[in-house]
């Protein structure tokens, strides 16, 4: 079983920009003036990835070209939200919507220390995602795992899909691995699903559309 880009599972994410950061405030203002957005509240809008990318290319093309030409090791100390948004739009290739929220907090940092090394930290939350098992496994593997998913009440025989919270799926699969009598193949498939639901997904606990096949 091959590894899977968990970013490709995401349908909707919520990105936080900061009013008192120059680039963040500029991006927010350009979105309000140039994008056909949906207003959620005074500090939040909903945009499509295509709209956001067009806005970035229109206003920050030179900056983006520079960002894409420099390695991460050279850029990470001065990376701004242009770098972050460009990476999001490239890696989260199945996004349908992006919620942009403007924070008025003055206390934020783009760099965090982990084991004495600098790492980028950006504020975003996964809101909605789709887990299609046929993108992870072949039909034989899906047929093998469906009875386990039904026993966990994750899917039902009446329909090949179900809307659940991510933690409900994770807890049910953990419980199945620890308490159900599984074959080695079934155990490997469950473990692979859990690996796909990364730490970020576990932390954000988004709504998940789980889709299987018959």
N, C-alpha and C. Protein backbone atom coordinates (compact mmCIF):
# COMPACT_ATOMS: atom_id res chain seq x y z
N UNK A 1 0.84 -1.19 0.00
CA UNK A 1 0.00 0.00 0.00
C UNK A 1 0.87 1.25 0.00
N UNK A 2 0.58 2.16 -0.92
CA UNK A 2 1.38 3.36 -1.05
C UNK A 2 0.94 4.43 -0.05
N UNK A 3 1.88 5.32 0.29
CA UNK A 3 1.53 6.43 1.16
C UNK A 3 0.61 7.39 0.40
N UNK A 4 -0.15 8.16 1.15
CA UNK A 4 -1.17 9.02 0.54
C UNK A 4 -1.02 10.43 1.09
N UNK A 5 -1.16 11.41 0.21
CA UNK A 5 -1.11 12.81 0.61
C UNK A 5 -2.41 13.17 1.31
N UNK A 6 -2.36 13.31 2.64
CA UNK A 6 -3.59 13.59 3.38
C UNK A 6 -4.17 14.96 3.01
N UNK A 7 -3.35 15.86 2.48
CA UNK A 7 -3.87 17.15 2.03
C UNK A 7 -4.90 16.98 0.93
N UNK A 8 -4.79 15.89 0.15
CA UNK A 8 -5.74 15.65 -0.93
C UNK A 8 -7.12 15.24 -0.42
N UNK A 9 -7.22 14.91 0.86
CA UNK A 9 -8.52 14.55 1.44
C UNK A 9 -9.37 15.77 1.77
N UNK A 10 -8.74 16.92 1.88
CA UNK A 10 -9.41 18.09 2.44
C UNK A 10 -10.31 18.79 1.42
N UNK A 11 -11.54 19.08 1.83
CA UNK A 11 -12.51 19.81 1.02
C UNK A 11 -12.58 21.28 1.41
N UNK A 12 -12.56 21.54 2.72
CA UNK A 12 -12.66 22.92 3.23
C UNK A 12 -11.65 23.10 4.36
N UNK A 13 -10.89 24.20 4.31
CA UNK A 13 -10.01 24.54 5.41
C UNK A 13 -10.28 25.98 5.83
N UNK A 14 -9.93 26.28 7.06
CA UNK A 14 -10.08 27.63 7.62
C UNK A 14 -8.68 28.17 7.89
N UNK A 15 -8.31 29.24 7.20
CA UNK A 15 -6.99 29.87 7.32
C UNK A 15 -7.13 31.15 8.14
N UNK A 16 -6.19 31.34 9.07
CA UNK A 16 -6.18 32.57 9.85
C UNK A 16 -5.09 33.51 9.35
N UNK A 17 -5.48 34.74 9.03
CA UNK A 17 -4.55 35.82 8.73
C UNK A 17 -4.59 36.82 9.89
N UNK A 18 -3.51 37.60 10.01
CA UNK A 18 -3.40 38.51 11.15
C UNK A 18 -3.39 39.96 10.68
N UNK A 19 -4.32 40.74 11.24
CA UNK A 19 -4.51 42.13 10.83
C UNK A 19 -3.24 42.95 10.97
N UNK A 20 -2.43 42.68 11.98
CA UNK A 20 -1.26 43.50 12.25
C UNK A 20 0.02 42.94 11.61
N UNK A 21 -0.15 41.99 10.70
CA UNK A 21 0.96 41.54 9.85
C UNK A 21 0.76 42.18 8.48
N UNK A 22 1.82 42.80 7.95
CA UNK A 22 1.69 43.57 6.71
C UNK A 22 1.13 42.74 5.57
N UNK A 23 1.75 41.60 5.27
CA UNK A 23 1.29 40.79 4.14
C UNK A 23 -0.11 40.24 4.39
N UNK A 24 -0.38 39.82 5.61
CA UNK A 24 -1.70 39.26 5.91
C UNK A 24 -2.80 40.28 5.67
N UNK A 25 -2.59 41.49 6.17
CA UNK A 25 -3.61 42.53 6.01
C UNK A 25 -3.76 42.92 4.54
N UNK A 26 -2.65 42.92 3.80
CA UNK A 26 -2.70 43.23 2.37
C UNK A 26 -3.48 42.16 1.61
N UNK A 27 -3.22 40.90 1.92
CA UNK A 27 -3.93 39.80 1.27
C UNK A 27 -5.43 39.88 1.58
N UNK A 28 -5.76 40.16 2.83
CA UNK A 28 -7.16 40.29 3.24
C UNK A 28 -7.86 41.39 2.45
N UNK A 29 -7.20 42.54 2.36
CA UNK A 29 -7.78 43.68 1.66
C UNK A 29 -7.97 43.38 0.17
N UNK A 30 -6.98 42.74 -0.45
CA UNK A 30 -7.09 42.37 -1.86
C UNK A 30 -8.23 41.39 -2.08
N UNK A 31 -8.42 40.46 -1.15
CA UNK A 31 -9.54 39.51 -1.27
C UNK A 31 -10.87 40.25 -1.24
N UNK A 32 -11.01 41.21 -0.33
CA UNK A 32 -12.27 41.95 -0.22
C UNK A 32 -12.54 42.78 -1.47
N UNK A 33 -11.48 43.30 -2.09
CA UNK A 33 -11.66 44.21 -3.23
C UNK A 33 -11.71 43.51 -4.58
N UNK A 34 -11.16 42.29 -4.67
CA UNK A 34 -10.97 41.68 -5.99
C UNK A 34 -11.63 40.32 -6.17
N UNK A 35 -12.10 39.71 -5.11
CA UNK A 35 -12.64 38.36 -5.20
C UNK A 35 -14.15 38.38 -4.95
N UNK A 36 -14.87 37.55 -5.67
CA UNK A 36 -16.30 37.40 -5.48
C UNK A 36 -16.52 36.40 -4.33
N UNK A 37 -16.32 36.87 -3.10
CA UNK A 37 -16.35 36.01 -1.92
C UNK A 37 -17.76 35.93 -1.33
N UNK A 38 -17.93 34.97 -0.43
CA UNK A 38 -19.16 34.89 0.37
C UNK A 38 -18.82 35.34 1.79
N UNK A 39 -19.56 36.30 2.29
CA UNK A 39 -19.30 36.82 3.64
C UNK A 39 -19.91 35.89 4.68
N UNK A 40 -19.11 35.47 5.64
CA UNK A 40 -19.59 34.64 6.75
C UNK A 40 -19.93 35.52 7.95
N UNK A 41 -18.99 36.38 8.33
CA UNK A 41 -19.23 37.39 9.35
C UNK A 41 -18.25 38.53 9.11
N UNK A 42 -18.14 39.46 10.06
CA UNK A 42 -17.29 40.63 9.84
C UNK A 42 -15.82 40.26 9.62
N UNK A 43 -15.40 39.15 10.18
CA UNK A 43 -13.98 38.78 10.12
C UNK A 43 -13.72 37.49 9.35
N UNK A 44 -14.69 36.99 8.60
CA UNK A 44 -14.51 35.73 7.87
C UNK A 44 -15.19 35.77 6.52
N UNK A 45 -14.51 35.26 5.50
CA UNK A 45 -15.08 35.14 4.16
C UNK A 45 -14.79 33.75 3.63
N UNK A 46 -15.55 33.36 2.62
CA UNK A 46 -15.38 32.07 1.97
C UNK A 46 -15.02 32.30 0.51
N UNK A 47 -13.90 31.69 0.05
CA UNK A 47 -13.45 31.87 -1.33
C UNK A 47 -13.12 30.51 -1.92
N UNK A 48 -13.04 30.44 -3.25
CA UNK A 48 -12.59 29.22 -3.90
C UNK A 48 -11.08 29.26 -4.07
N UNK A 49 -10.42 28.10 -4.12
CA UNK A 49 -8.98 28.09 -4.35
C UNK A 49 -8.59 28.77 -5.66
N UNK A 50 -9.40 28.59 -6.70
CA UNK A 50 -9.10 29.21 -8.00
C UNK A 50 -9.11 30.73 -7.88
N UNK A 51 -10.11 31.28 -7.20
CA UNK A 51 -10.19 32.73 -7.01
C UNK A 51 -8.98 33.24 -6.25
N UNK A 52 -8.62 32.54 -5.19
CA UNK A 52 -7.49 32.97 -4.37
C UNK A 52 -6.19 32.94 -5.15
N UNK A 53 -5.99 31.88 -5.94
CA UNK A 53 -4.77 31.78 -6.73
C UNK A 53 -4.69 32.88 -7.78
N UNK A 54 -5.81 33.18 -8.41
CA UNK A 54 -5.84 34.27 -9.40
C UNK A 54 -5.50 35.61 -8.76
N UNK A 55 -6.01 35.85 -7.56
CA UNK A 55 -5.72 37.08 -6.85
C UNK A 55 -4.23 37.18 -6.50
N UNK A 56 -3.67 36.08 -6.03
CA UNK A 56 -2.24 36.07 -5.67
C UNK A 56 -1.37 36.30 -6.91
N UNK A 57 -1.70 35.63 -8.00
CA UNK A 57 -0.93 35.81 -9.24
C UNK A 57 -1.03 37.23 -9.77
N UNK A 58 -2.20 37.83 -9.64
CA UNK A 58 -2.40 39.19 -10.14
C UNK A 58 -1.60 40.22 -9.35
N UNK A 59 -1.54 40.05 -8.05
CA UNK A 59 -0.96 41.07 -7.19
C UNK A 59 0.45 40.77 -6.68
N UNK A 60 0.84 39.48 -6.66
CA UNK A 60 2.10 39.12 -6.03
C UNK A 60 2.94 38.19 -6.90
N UNK A 61 2.81 38.31 -8.21
CA UNK A 61 3.46 37.38 -9.13
C UNK A 61 4.98 37.36 -8.92
N UNK A 62 5.59 38.54 -8.79
CA UNK A 62 7.04 38.60 -8.62
C UNK A 62 7.46 37.94 -7.30
N UNK A 63 6.71 38.21 -6.24
CA UNK A 63 7.03 37.60 -4.94
C UNK A 63 6.90 36.08 -5.01
N UNK A 64 5.85 35.60 -5.68
CA UNK A 64 5.63 34.16 -5.79
C UNK A 64 6.73 33.48 -6.60
N UNK A 65 7.18 34.13 -7.67
CA UNK A 65 8.26 33.57 -8.48
C UNK A 65 9.54 33.46 -7.65
N UNK A 66 9.80 34.46 -6.83
CA UNK A 66 10.97 34.43 -5.96
C UNK A 66 10.86 33.31 -4.93
N UNK A 67 9.67 33.20 -4.33
CA UNK A 67 9.44 32.16 -3.33
C UNK A 67 9.66 30.77 -3.92
N UNK A 68 9.13 30.54 -5.11
CA UNK A 68 9.21 29.22 -5.72
C UNK A 68 10.62 28.87 -6.17
N UNK A 69 11.46 29.89 -6.33
CA UNK A 69 12.83 29.66 -6.81
C UNK A 69 13.83 29.42 -5.68
N UNK A 70 13.41 29.68 -4.43
CA UNK A 70 14.32 29.58 -3.29
C UNK A 70 13.98 28.33 -2.48
N UNK A 71 14.99 27.63 -2.04
CA UNK A 71 14.77 26.42 -1.25
C UNK A 71 14.20 26.77 0.11
N UNK A 72 13.56 25.80 0.73
CA UNK A 72 12.95 26.02 2.04
C UNK A 72 13.98 26.44 3.07
N UNK A 73 15.19 25.84 3.02
CA UNK A 73 16.22 26.15 4.00
C UNK A 73 16.60 27.62 3.97
N UNK A 74 16.51 28.24 2.80
CA UNK A 74 16.87 29.65 2.68
C UNK A 74 15.72 30.58 3.00
N UNK A 75 14.50 30.12 2.77
CA UNK A 75 13.36 31.03 2.90
C UNK A 75 12.67 30.97 4.26
N UNK A 76 12.88 29.90 5.03
CA UNK A 76 12.00 29.67 6.17
C UNK A 76 12.07 30.75 7.24
N UNK A 77 13.19 31.45 7.38
CA UNK A 77 13.29 32.48 8.40
C UNK A 77 12.43 33.70 8.07
N UNK A 78 12.26 33.97 6.79
CA UNK A 78 11.51 35.16 6.36
C UNK A 78 10.21 34.81 5.64
N UNK A 79 9.80 33.57 5.74
CA UNK A 79 8.60 33.16 5.02
C UNK A 79 7.38 33.91 5.52
N UNK A 80 6.54 34.33 4.58
CA UNK A 80 5.33 35.05 4.94
C UNK A 80 4.12 34.26 4.47
N UNK A 81 2.95 34.88 4.55
CA UNK A 81 1.73 34.17 4.20
C UNK A 81 1.62 33.87 2.71
N UNK A 82 2.34 34.57 1.87
CA UNK A 82 2.37 34.22 0.45
C UNK A 82 2.95 32.82 0.27
N UNK A 83 4.03 32.54 0.98
CA UNK A 83 4.63 31.20 0.92
C UNK A 83 3.64 30.15 1.40
N UNK A 84 3.00 30.43 2.53
CA UNK A 84 2.05 29.50 3.12
C UNK A 84 0.87 29.22 2.17
N UNK A 85 0.26 30.28 1.63
CA UNK A 85 -0.89 30.11 0.75
C UNK A 85 -0.51 29.40 -0.53
N UNK A 86 0.66 29.71 -1.07
CA UNK A 86 1.13 29.04 -2.28
C UNK A 86 1.31 27.55 -2.03
N UNK A 87 1.86 27.18 -0.87
CA UNK A 87 2.02 25.76 -0.53
C UNK A 87 0.67 25.08 -0.33
N UNK A 88 -0.24 25.76 0.34
CA UNK A 88 -1.58 25.20 0.56
C UNK A 88 -2.27 24.91 -0.77
N UNK A 89 -2.24 25.88 -1.68
CA UNK A 89 -2.93 25.74 -2.96
C UNK A 89 -2.27 24.67 -3.82
N UNK A 90 -0.99 24.42 -3.62
CA UNK A 90 -0.31 23.37 -4.38
C UNK A 90 -0.51 21.99 -3.79
N UNK A 91 -0.48 21.89 -2.46
CA UNK A 91 -0.53 20.57 -1.80
C UNK A 91 -1.94 20.07 -1.56
N UNK A 92 -2.89 20.99 -1.33
CA UNK A 92 -4.28 20.60 -1.04
C UNK A 92 -5.05 20.66 -2.36
N UNK A 93 -4.81 19.68 -3.21
CA UNK A 93 -5.24 19.77 -4.61
C UNK A 93 -6.72 19.48 -4.84
N UNK A 94 -7.44 19.05 -3.82
CA UNK A 94 -8.88 18.80 -3.98
C UNK A 94 -9.75 19.78 -3.18
N UNK A 95 -9.15 20.86 -2.72
CA UNK A 95 -9.92 21.84 -1.97
C UNK A 95 -11.07 22.41 -2.79
N UNK A 96 -12.21 22.57 -2.16
CA UNK A 96 -13.37 23.20 -2.81
C UNK A 96 -13.58 24.62 -2.31
N UNK A 97 -13.33 24.83 -1.02
CA UNK A 97 -13.52 26.15 -0.42
C UNK A 97 -12.41 26.43 0.59
N UNK A 98 -12.08 27.72 0.73
CA UNK A 98 -11.16 28.16 1.76
C UNK A 98 -11.85 29.26 2.56
N UNK A 99 -12.00 29.04 3.84
CA UNK A 99 -12.50 30.08 4.74
C UNK A 99 -11.30 30.89 5.22
N UNK A 100 -11.35 32.19 5.05
CA UNK A 100 -10.27 33.06 5.52
C UNK A 100 -10.79 33.87 6.68
N UNK A 101 -10.12 33.76 7.81
CA UNK A 101 -10.51 34.47 9.02
C UNK A 101 -9.42 35.47 9.40
N UNK A 102 -9.82 36.70 9.67
CA UNK A 102 -8.88 37.75 10.06
C UNK A 102 -8.86 37.86 11.58
N UNK A 103 -7.67 37.66 12.16
CA UNK A 103 -7.50 37.79 13.60
C UNK A 103 -6.92 39.17 13.91
N UNK A 104 -7.43 39.79 14.96
CA UNK A 104 -6.92 41.09 15.39
C UNK A 104 -5.90 40.96 16.52
N UNK A 105 -5.47 39.74 16.78
CA UNK A 105 -4.47 39.51 17.83
C UNK A 105 -3.12 40.08 17.40
N UNK A 106 -2.44 40.71 18.33
CA UNK A 106 -1.10 41.23 18.07
C UNK A 106 -0.02 40.20 18.42
N UNK A 107 -0.40 39.16 19.12
CA UNK A 107 0.58 38.17 19.59
C UNK A 107 0.54 36.92 18.70
N UNK A 108 1.46 36.86 17.77
CA UNK A 108 1.55 35.68 16.91
C UNK A 108 2.99 35.53 16.46
N UNK A 109 3.33 34.32 16.07
CA UNK A 109 4.69 34.06 15.58
C UNK A 109 4.63 33.08 14.43
N UNK A 110 5.46 33.30 13.41
CA UNK A 110 5.53 32.39 12.28
C UNK A 110 6.56 31.28 12.51
N UNK A 111 7.43 31.46 13.49
CA UNK A 111 8.51 30.49 13.73
C UNK A 111 8.35 29.90 15.13
N UNK A 112 8.44 28.58 15.23
CA UNK A 112 8.45 27.91 16.52
C UNK A 112 9.71 27.07 16.62
N UNK A 113 10.18 26.85 17.84
CA UNK A 113 11.36 26.04 18.10
C UNK A 113 10.95 24.62 18.45
N UNK A 114 11.49 23.65 17.69
CA UNK A 114 11.28 22.24 17.99
C UNK A 114 12.64 21.58 17.97
N UNK A 115 13.08 21.09 19.15
CA UNK A 115 14.40 20.49 19.29
C UNK A 115 15.50 21.44 18.78
N UNK A 116 15.36 22.70 19.17
CA UNK A 116 16.34 23.75 18.83
C UNK A 116 16.39 24.09 17.34
N UNK A 117 15.47 23.57 16.56
CA UNK A 117 15.39 23.90 15.14
C UNK A 117 14.18 24.79 14.88
N UNK A 118 14.33 25.73 13.92
CA UNK A 118 13.23 26.60 13.55
C UNK A 118 12.27 25.88 12.61
N UNK A 119 10.98 26.00 12.89
CA UNK A 119 9.96 25.42 12.03
C UNK A 119 8.87 26.45 11.79
N UNK A 120 8.32 26.43 10.58
CA UNK A 120 7.21 27.33 10.27
C UNK A 120 5.93 26.86 10.94
N UNK A 121 5.18 27.82 11.44
CA UNK A 121 3.88 27.51 12.01
C UNK A 121 2.85 28.47 11.40
N UNK A 122 1.84 27.91 10.76
CA UNK A 122 0.77 28.73 10.21
C UNK A 122 -0.54 28.26 10.77
N UNK A 123 -1.48 29.18 10.85
CA UNK A 123 -2.75 28.90 11.50
C UNK A 123 -3.79 28.51 10.46
N UNK A 124 -4.13 27.24 10.43
CA UNK A 124 -5.25 26.79 9.61
C UNK A 124 -5.87 25.56 10.25
N UNK A 125 -7.13 25.36 9.96
CA UNK A 125 -7.87 24.23 10.51
C UNK A 125 -8.61 23.53 9.39
N UNK A 126 -8.55 22.20 9.41
CA UNK A 126 -9.31 21.40 8.44
C UNK A 126 -10.76 21.33 8.92
N UNK A 127 -11.68 21.77 8.08
CA UNK A 127 -13.09 21.85 8.45
C UNK A 127 -13.89 20.66 7.91
N UNK A 128 -13.63 20.30 6.66
CA UNK A 128 -14.39 19.23 5.99
C UNK A 128 -13.46 18.45 5.09
N UNK A 129 -13.61 17.12 5.08
CA UNK A 129 -12.77 16.29 4.21
C UNK A 129 -13.56 15.07 3.73
N UNK A 130 -13.05 14.45 2.67
CA UNK A 130 -13.67 13.25 2.11
C UNK A 130 -12.63 12.14 2.07
N UNK A 131 -12.96 10.99 2.65
CA UNK A 131 -12.09 9.82 2.67
C UNK A 131 -12.70 8.77 1.76
N UNK A 132 -12.19 8.70 0.53
CA UNK A 132 -12.68 7.71 -0.45
C UNK A 132 -11.76 6.50 -0.41
N UNK A 133 -12.28 5.38 0.05
CA UNK A 133 -11.44 4.20 0.21
C UNK A 133 -10.92 3.67 -1.12
N UNK A 134 -11.65 3.93 -2.23
CA UNK A 134 -11.17 3.44 -3.52
C UNK A 134 -9.94 4.21 -4.03
N UNK A 135 -9.59 5.32 -3.35
CA UNK A 135 -8.36 6.03 -3.68
C UNK A 135 -7.17 5.51 -2.86
N UNK A 136 -7.47 4.67 -1.89
CA UNK A 136 -6.43 4.09 -1.04
C UNK A 136 -6.21 2.60 -1.31
N UNK A 137 -7.30 1.89 -1.69
CA UNK A 137 -7.24 0.44 -1.79
C UNK A 137 -7.93 -0.05 -3.06
N UNK A 138 -7.58 -1.29 -3.45
CA UNK A 138 -8.28 -1.91 -4.58
C UNK A 138 -9.59 -2.53 -4.07
N UNK A 139 -10.42 -3.01 -5.00
CA UNK A 139 -11.75 -3.49 -4.63
C UNK A 139 -11.68 -4.72 -3.73
N UNK A 140 -10.66 -5.56 -3.93
CA UNK A 140 -10.52 -6.74 -3.06
C UNK A 140 -10.26 -6.33 -1.62
N UNK A 141 -9.40 -5.33 -1.43
CA UNK A 141 -9.11 -4.85 -0.08
C UNK A 141 -10.33 -4.18 0.54
N UNK A 142 -11.07 -3.42 -0.27
CA UNK A 142 -12.27 -2.75 0.24
C UNK A 142 -13.31 -3.77 0.66
N UNK A 143 -13.50 -4.80 -0.16
CA UNK A 143 -14.45 -5.86 0.18
C UNK A 143 -14.05 -6.56 1.47
N UNK A 144 -12.75 -6.67 1.68
CA UNK A 144 -12.23 -7.32 2.90
C UNK A 144 -12.50 -6.49 4.15
N UNK A 145 -12.44 -5.18 4.00
CA UNK A 145 -12.55 -4.31 5.17
C UNK A 145 -13.98 -3.85 5.44
N UNK A 146 -14.88 -3.92 4.46
CA UNK A 146 -16.25 -3.43 4.67
C UNK A 146 -16.95 -4.07 5.87
N UNK A 147 -16.85 -5.40 6.06
CA UNK A 147 -17.51 -5.99 7.24
C UNK A 147 -17.01 -5.41 8.56
N UNK A 148 -15.74 -5.09 8.62
CA UNK A 148 -15.18 -4.49 9.83
C UNK A 148 -15.76 -3.09 10.04
N UNK A 149 -15.84 -2.31 8.97
CA UNK A 149 -16.40 -0.96 9.06
C UNK A 149 -17.87 -1.01 9.48
N UNK A 150 -18.61 -2.01 8.97
CA UNK A 150 -20.02 -2.15 9.37
C UNK A 150 -20.14 -2.53 10.84
N UNK A 151 -19.27 -3.43 11.29
CA UNK A 151 -19.30 -3.85 12.69
C UNK A 151 -18.99 -2.67 13.61
N UNK A 152 -18.18 -1.73 13.12
CA UNK A 152 -17.83 -0.52 13.89
C UNK A 152 -18.89 0.57 13.76
N UNK A 153 -19.95 0.31 12.97
CA UNK A 153 -21.01 1.30 12.70
C UNK A 153 -20.48 2.54 11.98
N UNK A 154 -19.42 2.36 11.20
CA UNK A 154 -18.90 3.46 10.39
C UNK A 154 -19.61 3.56 9.06
N UNK A 155 -20.05 2.42 8.52
CA UNK A 155 -20.88 2.40 7.32
C UNK A 155 -22.04 1.42 7.56
N UNK A 156 -23.04 1.52 6.69
CA UNK A 156 -24.21 0.65 6.80
C UNK A 156 -24.54 0.09 5.42
N UNK A 157 -25.19 -1.06 5.41
CA UNK A 157 -25.45 -1.76 4.15
C UNK A 157 -26.36 -0.97 3.22
N UNK A 158 -27.14 -0.04 3.76
CA UNK A 158 -28.10 0.70 2.93
C UNK A 158 -27.44 1.74 2.04
N UNK A 159 -26.24 2.21 2.41
CA UNK A 159 -25.57 3.23 1.60
C UNK A 159 -24.05 3.12 1.79
N UNK A 160 -23.29 3.39 0.74
CA UNK A 160 -21.83 3.22 0.80
C UNK A 160 -21.10 4.46 1.29
N UNK A 161 -21.74 5.27 2.10
CA UNK A 161 -21.09 6.47 2.60
C UNK A 161 -21.71 6.86 3.95
N UNK A 162 -20.96 7.67 4.69
CA UNK A 162 -21.46 8.13 5.98
C UNK A 162 -20.70 9.39 6.38
N UNK A 163 -21.40 10.33 7.01
CA UNK A 163 -20.78 11.55 7.53
C UNK A 163 -20.47 11.36 9.01
N UNK A 164 -19.20 11.56 9.37
CA UNK A 164 -18.75 11.31 10.73
C UNK A 164 -17.71 12.35 11.12
N UNK A 165 -17.47 12.49 12.43
CA UNK A 165 -16.35 13.27 12.89
C UNK A 165 -15.08 12.40 12.80
N UNK A 166 -13.97 13.04 12.52
CA UNK A 166 -12.72 12.30 12.33
C UNK A 166 -12.38 11.45 13.55
N UNK A 167 -12.57 12.00 14.75
CA UNK A 167 -12.22 11.25 15.96
C UNK A 167 -13.11 10.04 16.16
N UNK A 168 -14.36 10.08 15.69
CA UNK A 168 -15.22 8.90 15.76
C UNK A 168 -14.65 7.76 14.92
N UNK A 169 -14.13 8.12 13.73
CA UNK A 169 -13.51 7.11 12.87
C UNK A 169 -12.25 6.57 13.51
N UNK A 170 -11.40 7.46 13.99
CA UNK A 170 -10.13 7.05 14.59
C UNK A 170 -10.36 6.16 15.80
N UNK A 171 -11.27 6.55 16.67
CA UNK A 171 -11.54 5.74 17.87
C UNK A 171 -12.12 4.38 17.51
N UNK A 172 -13.02 4.35 16.52
CA UNK A 172 -13.64 3.08 16.12
C UNK A 172 -12.60 2.13 15.52
N UNK A 173 -11.69 2.67 14.70
CA UNK A 173 -10.66 1.82 14.09
C UNK A 173 -9.66 1.34 15.13
N UNK A 174 -9.29 2.21 16.06
CA UNK A 174 -8.41 1.80 17.16
C UNK A 174 -9.05 0.67 17.96
N UNK A 175 -10.33 0.82 18.25
CA UNK A 175 -11.04 -0.19 19.02
C UNK A 175 -11.10 -1.52 18.27
N UNK A 176 -11.32 -1.44 16.94
CA UNK A 176 -11.37 -2.66 16.13
C UNK A 176 -10.02 -3.37 16.12
N UNK A 177 -8.94 -2.60 16.01
CA UNK A 177 -7.59 -3.20 16.01
C UNK A 177 -7.29 -3.89 17.33
N UNK A 178 -7.80 -3.34 18.41
CA UNK A 178 -7.47 -3.87 19.74
C UNK A 178 -8.41 -4.98 20.20
N UNK A 179 -9.65 -5.00 19.67
CA UNK A 179 -10.63 -5.90 20.25
C UNK A 179 -11.32 -6.83 19.26
N UNK A 180 -11.26 -6.55 17.96
CA UNK A 180 -11.89 -7.46 17.00
C UNK A 180 -10.90 -8.54 16.54
N UNK A 181 -11.46 -9.67 16.16
CA UNK A 181 -10.65 -10.77 15.63
C UNK A 181 -10.43 -10.52 14.14
N UNK A 182 -9.30 -9.93 13.78
CA UNK A 182 -9.03 -9.52 12.41
C UNK A 182 -7.96 -10.39 11.78
N UNK A 183 -8.02 -10.51 10.45
CA UNK A 183 -6.92 -11.14 9.74
C UNK A 183 -5.77 -10.14 9.65
N UNK A 184 -4.59 -10.65 9.29
CA UNK A 184 -3.44 -9.75 9.14
C UNK A 184 -3.71 -8.69 8.07
N UNK A 185 -4.36 -9.10 6.99
CA UNK A 185 -4.65 -8.15 5.91
C UNK A 185 -5.62 -7.06 6.38
N UNK A 186 -6.63 -7.46 7.11
CA UNK A 186 -7.59 -6.47 7.63
C UNK A 186 -6.90 -5.50 8.59
N UNK A 187 -6.03 -6.04 9.43
CA UNK A 187 -5.29 -5.19 10.36
C UNK A 187 -4.39 -4.21 9.64
N UNK A 188 -3.74 -4.67 8.56
CA UNK A 188 -2.87 -3.77 7.78
C UNK A 188 -3.68 -2.64 7.14
N UNK A 189 -4.86 -2.97 6.64
CA UNK A 189 -5.70 -1.96 5.99
C UNK A 189 -6.17 -0.92 7.01
N UNK A 190 -6.61 -1.39 8.18
CA UNK A 190 -7.05 -0.46 9.23
C UNK A 190 -5.90 0.45 9.65
N UNK A 191 -4.72 -0.12 9.80
CA UNK A 191 -3.56 0.68 10.20
C UNK A 191 -3.22 1.72 9.14
N UNK A 192 -3.39 1.36 7.87
CA UNK A 192 -3.10 2.30 6.79
C UNK A 192 -4.11 3.47 6.81
N UNK A 193 -5.38 3.17 7.09
CA UNK A 193 -6.38 4.24 7.19
C UNK A 193 -6.01 5.18 8.33
N UNK A 194 -5.61 4.61 9.47
CA UNK A 194 -5.23 5.43 10.62
C UNK A 194 -4.01 6.28 10.31
N UNK A 195 -3.04 5.73 9.58
CA UNK A 195 -1.86 6.51 9.19
C UNK A 195 -2.25 7.67 8.28
N UNK A 196 -3.25 7.44 7.43
CA UNK A 196 -3.71 8.49 6.52
C UNK A 196 -4.37 9.63 7.27
N UNK A 197 -5.06 9.30 8.37
CA UNK A 197 -5.69 10.32 9.21
C UNK A 197 -4.62 10.87 10.14
N UNK A 198 -3.84 11.82 9.63
CA UNK A 198 -2.64 12.31 10.29
C UNK A 198 -2.95 13.01 11.61
N UNK A 199 -1.88 13.36 12.33
CA UNK A 199 -2.00 14.05 13.61
C UNK A 199 -2.78 15.34 13.46
N UNK A 200 -2.59 16.04 12.35
CA UNK A 200 -3.30 17.30 12.11
C UNK A 200 -4.80 17.05 12.02
N UNK A 201 -5.20 16.00 11.31
CA UNK A 201 -6.62 15.66 11.19
C UNK A 201 -7.19 15.27 12.55
N UNK A 202 -6.43 14.51 13.32
CA UNK A 202 -6.87 14.11 14.66
C UNK A 202 -7.06 15.34 15.54
N UNK A 203 -6.15 16.31 15.44
CA UNK A 203 -6.24 17.52 16.25
C UNK A 203 -7.44 18.38 15.87
N UNK A 204 -7.66 18.55 14.56
CA UNK A 204 -8.73 19.44 14.08
C UNK A 204 -10.10 18.79 14.18
N UNK A 205 -10.16 17.46 14.12
CA UNK A 205 -11.41 16.71 14.20
C UNK A 205 -12.47 17.23 13.23
N UNK A 206 -12.16 17.26 11.92
CA UNK A 206 -13.13 17.78 10.95
C UNK A 206 -14.28 16.81 10.69
N UNK A 207 -15.30 17.30 9.99
CA UNK A 207 -16.34 16.43 9.47
C UNK A 207 -15.75 15.62 8.32
N UNK A 208 -16.03 14.33 8.29
CA UNK A 208 -15.48 13.44 7.27
C UNK A 208 -16.62 12.72 6.55
N UNK A 209 -16.59 12.79 5.22
CA UNK A 209 -17.46 11.96 4.41
C UNK A 209 -16.68 10.70 4.06
N UNK A 210 -17.04 9.58 4.73
CA UNK A 210 -16.39 8.30 4.49
C UNK A 210 -17.13 7.57 3.39
N UNK A 211 -16.43 7.24 2.30
CA UNK A 211 -17.05 6.62 1.14
C UNK A 211 -16.37 5.29 0.85
N UNK A 212 -17.14 4.22 0.81
CA UNK A 212 -16.61 2.91 0.47
C UNK A 212 -17.16 2.45 -0.89
N UNK A 213 -16.97 1.20 -1.21
CA UNK A 213 -17.47 0.62 -2.46
C UNK A 213 -17.99 -0.78 -2.17
N UNK A 214 -18.83 -1.28 -3.02
CA UNK A 214 -19.39 -2.61 -2.81
C UNK A 214 -18.79 -3.60 -3.79
